[in-house]
Amino acid sequence: MKLRLGVVLWFLSWIPYGLILGLKGGWLAVAWTVEILLGLVGIALAGSEFAKLVKERGWRGAPRVAWGALITGRSTSAGQ
């Protein structure tokens, strides 16, 4: 679940909310700050889950298991 949430937050950080909403000046800076924070939180969540996955499965199996967890939403623990 963390992997999925992290990827979604990271994806949402790429949407230019300030430009879409027509913000200018300080408000545009606030929108950019929010976008950057969304991306960092997303990377932190997905990265921590991916790090666990690599420790459990090794680098060779990590992409397949990460993709499966992202698509199905199932746990990435070794027993699953």
C-alpha atoms as a PDB file:
ATOM      1  CA  MET A   1       0.000   0.000   0.000  1.00  0.00           C
ATOM      2  CA  LYS A   2       2.863   2.410   0.795  1.00  0.00           C
ATOM      3  CA  LEU A   3       4.398   1.762  -2.595  1.00  0.00           C
ATOM      4  CA  ARG A   4       1.157   2.593  -4.352  1.00  0.00           C
ATOM      5  CA  LEU A   5       0.527   5.706  -2.254  1.00  0.00           C
ATOM      6  CA  GLY A   6       4.103   6.883  -2.773  1.00  0.00           C
ATOM      7  CA  VAL A   7       3.871   6.525  -6.541  1.00  0.00           C
ATOM      8  CA  VAL A   8       0.521   8.345  -6.624  1.00  0.00           C
ATOM      9  CA  LEU A   9       1.888  11.233  -4.538  1.00  0.00           C
ATOM     10  CA  TRP A  10       4.974  11.448  -6.736  1.00  0.00           C
ATOM     11  CA  PHE A  11       2.774  11.478  -9.844  1.00  0.00           C
ATOM     12  CA  LEU A  12       0.544  14.212  -8.368  1.00  0.00           C
ATOM     13  CA  SER A  13       3.633  16.331  -7.764  1.00  0.00           C
ATOM     14  CA  TRP A  14       4.136  16.632 -11.533  1.00  0.00           C
ATOM     15  CA  ILE A  15       0.800  18.399 -12.065  1.00  0.00           C
ATOM     16  CA  PRO A  16       1.411  22.170 -12.369  1.00  0.00           C
ATOM     17  CA  TYR A  17      -1.347  23.292 -10.003  1.00  0.00           C
ATOM     18  CA  GLY A  18      -0.156  26.887  -9.903  1.00  0.00           C
ATOM     19  CA  LEU A  19      -0.287  27.248 -13.669  1.00  0.00           C
ATOM     20  CA  ILE A  20      -3.618  25.436 -13.970  1.00  0.00           C
ATOM     21  CA  LEU A  21      -5.160  27.681 -11.338  1.00  0.00           C
ATOM     22  CA  GLY A  22      -3.566  30.805 -12.822  1.00  0.00           C
ATOM     23  CA  LEU A  23      -1.670  31.705  -9.657  1.00  0.00           C
ATOM     24  CA  LYS A  24       0.946  34.444  -9.651  1.00  0.00           C
ATOM     25  CA  GLY A  25       3.621  35.751  -7.316  1.00  0.00           C
ATOM     26  CA  GLY A  26       3.719  34.348  -3.812  1.00  0.00           C
ATOM     27  CA  TRP A  27       0.814  31.986  -4.380  1.00  0.00           C
ATOM     28  CA  LEU A  28       2.635  30.386  -7.297  1.00  0.00           C
ATOM     29  CA  ALA A  29       5.631  29.839  -5.016  1.00  0.00           C
ATOM     30  CA  VAL A  30       3.351  28.225  -2.432  1.00  0.00           C
ATOM     31  CA  ALA A  31       1.887  25.923  -5.103  1.00  0.00           C
ATOM     32  CA  TRP A  32       5.400  24.908  -6.225  1.00  0.00           C
ATOM     33  CA  THR A  33       6.374  24.240  -2.618  1.00  0.00           C
ATOM     34  CA  VAL A  34       3.356  21.976  -2.193  1.00  0.00           C
ATOM     35  CA  GLU A  35       4.216  20.156  -5.423  1.00  0.00           C
ATOM     36  CA  ILE A  36       7.796  19.606  -4.294  1.00  0.00           C
ATOM     37  CA  LEU A  37       6.648  18.359  -0.878  1.00  0.00           C
ATOM     38  CA  LEU A  38       4.209  15.941  -2.530  1.00  0.00           C
ATOM     39  CA  GLY A  39       7.048  14.549  -4.614  1.00  0.00           C
ATOM     40  CA  LEU A  40       9.426  14.194  -1.684  1.00  0.00           C
ATOM     41  CA  VAL A  41       6.838  12.473   0.499  1.00  0.00           C
ATOM     42  CA  GLY A  42       5.946  10.166  -2.388  1.00  0.00           C
ATOM     43  CA  ILE A  43       9.569   9.243  -2.984  1.00  0.00           C
ATOM     44  CA  ALA A  44      10.103   8.678   0.744  1.00  0.00           C
ATOM     45  CA  LEU A  45       7.096   6.360   1.018  1.00  0.00           C
ATOM     46  CA  ALA A  46       7.762   4.407  -2.156  1.00  0.00           C
ATOM     47  CA  GLY A  47      11.512   4.361  -1.528  1.00  0.00           C
ATOM     48  CA  SER A  48      11.216   2.924   1.970  1.00  0.00           C
ATOM     49  CA  GLU A  49       8.917   0.180   0.705  1.00  0.00           C
ATOM     50  CA  PHE A  50      11.182  -0.531  -2.254  1.00  0.00           C
ATOM     51  CA  ALA A  51      14.223  -0.719   0.055  1.00  0.00           C
ATOM     52  CA  LYS A  52      12.467  -3.397   2.132  1.00  0.00           C
ATOM     53  CA  LEU A  53      11.623  -5.241  -1.050  1.00  0.00           C
ATOM     54  CA  VAL A  54      15.229  -5.219  -2.249  1.00  0.00           C
ATOM     55  CA  LYS A  55      16.478  -6.514   1.114  1.00  0.00           C
ATOM     56  CA  GLU A  56      13.960  -9.374   1.031  1.00  0.00           C
ATOM     57  CA  ARG A  57      14.100 -10.363  -2.625  1.00  0.00           C
ATOM     58  CA  GLY A  58      17.399  -9.018  -3.936  1.00  0.00           C
ATOM     59  CA  TRP A  59      17.945  -6.661  -6.847  1.00  0.00           C
ATOM     60  CA  ARG A  60      17.142  -9.219  -9.517  1.00  0.00           C
ATOM     61  CA  GLY A  61      13.606  -9.917  -8.295  1.00  0.00           C
ATOM     62  CA  ALA A  62      12.826  -6.422  -7.056  1.00  0.00           C
ATOM     63  CA  PRO A  63      11.424  -4.864 -10.267  1.00  0.00           C
ATOM     64  CA  ARG A  64       9.004  -7.736 -10.877  1.00  0.00           C
ATOM     65  CA  VAL A  65       7.759  -7.770  -7.289  1.00  0.00           C
ATOM     66  CA  ALA A  66       7.540  -3.949  -7.122  1.00  0.00           C
ATOM     67  CA  TRP A  67       5.511  -3.825 -10.318  1.00  0.00           C
ATOM     68  CA  GLY A  68       3.242  -6.599  -9.045  1.00  0.00           C
ATOM     69  CA  ALA A  69       2.736  -4.796  -5.738  1.00  0.00           C
ATOM     70  CA  LEU A  70       1.970  -1.553  -7.568  1.00  0.00           C
ATOM     71  CA  ILE A  71      -0.614  -3.192  -9.830  1.00  0.00           C
ATOM     72  CA  THR A  72      -2.266  -5.605  -7.378  1.00  0.00           C
ATOM     73  CA  GLY A  73      -1.720  -3.692  -4.127  1.00  0.00           C
ATOM     74  CA  ARG A  74      -0.573  -6.849  -2.345  1.00  0.00           C
ATOM     75  CA  SER A  75       2.040  -6.798   0.389  1.00  0.00           C
ATOM     76  CA  THR A  76       5.667  -7.074  -0.626  1.00  0.00           C
ATOM     77  CA  SER A  77       6.718  -9.131   2.385  1.00  0.00           C
ATOM     78  CA  ALA A  78       8.740 -12.303   1.831  1.00  0.00           C
ATOM     79  CA  GLY A  79       5.875 -14.574   2.868  1.00  0.00           C
ATOM     80  CA  GLN A  80       3.501 -13.280   0.217  1.00  0.00           C
END
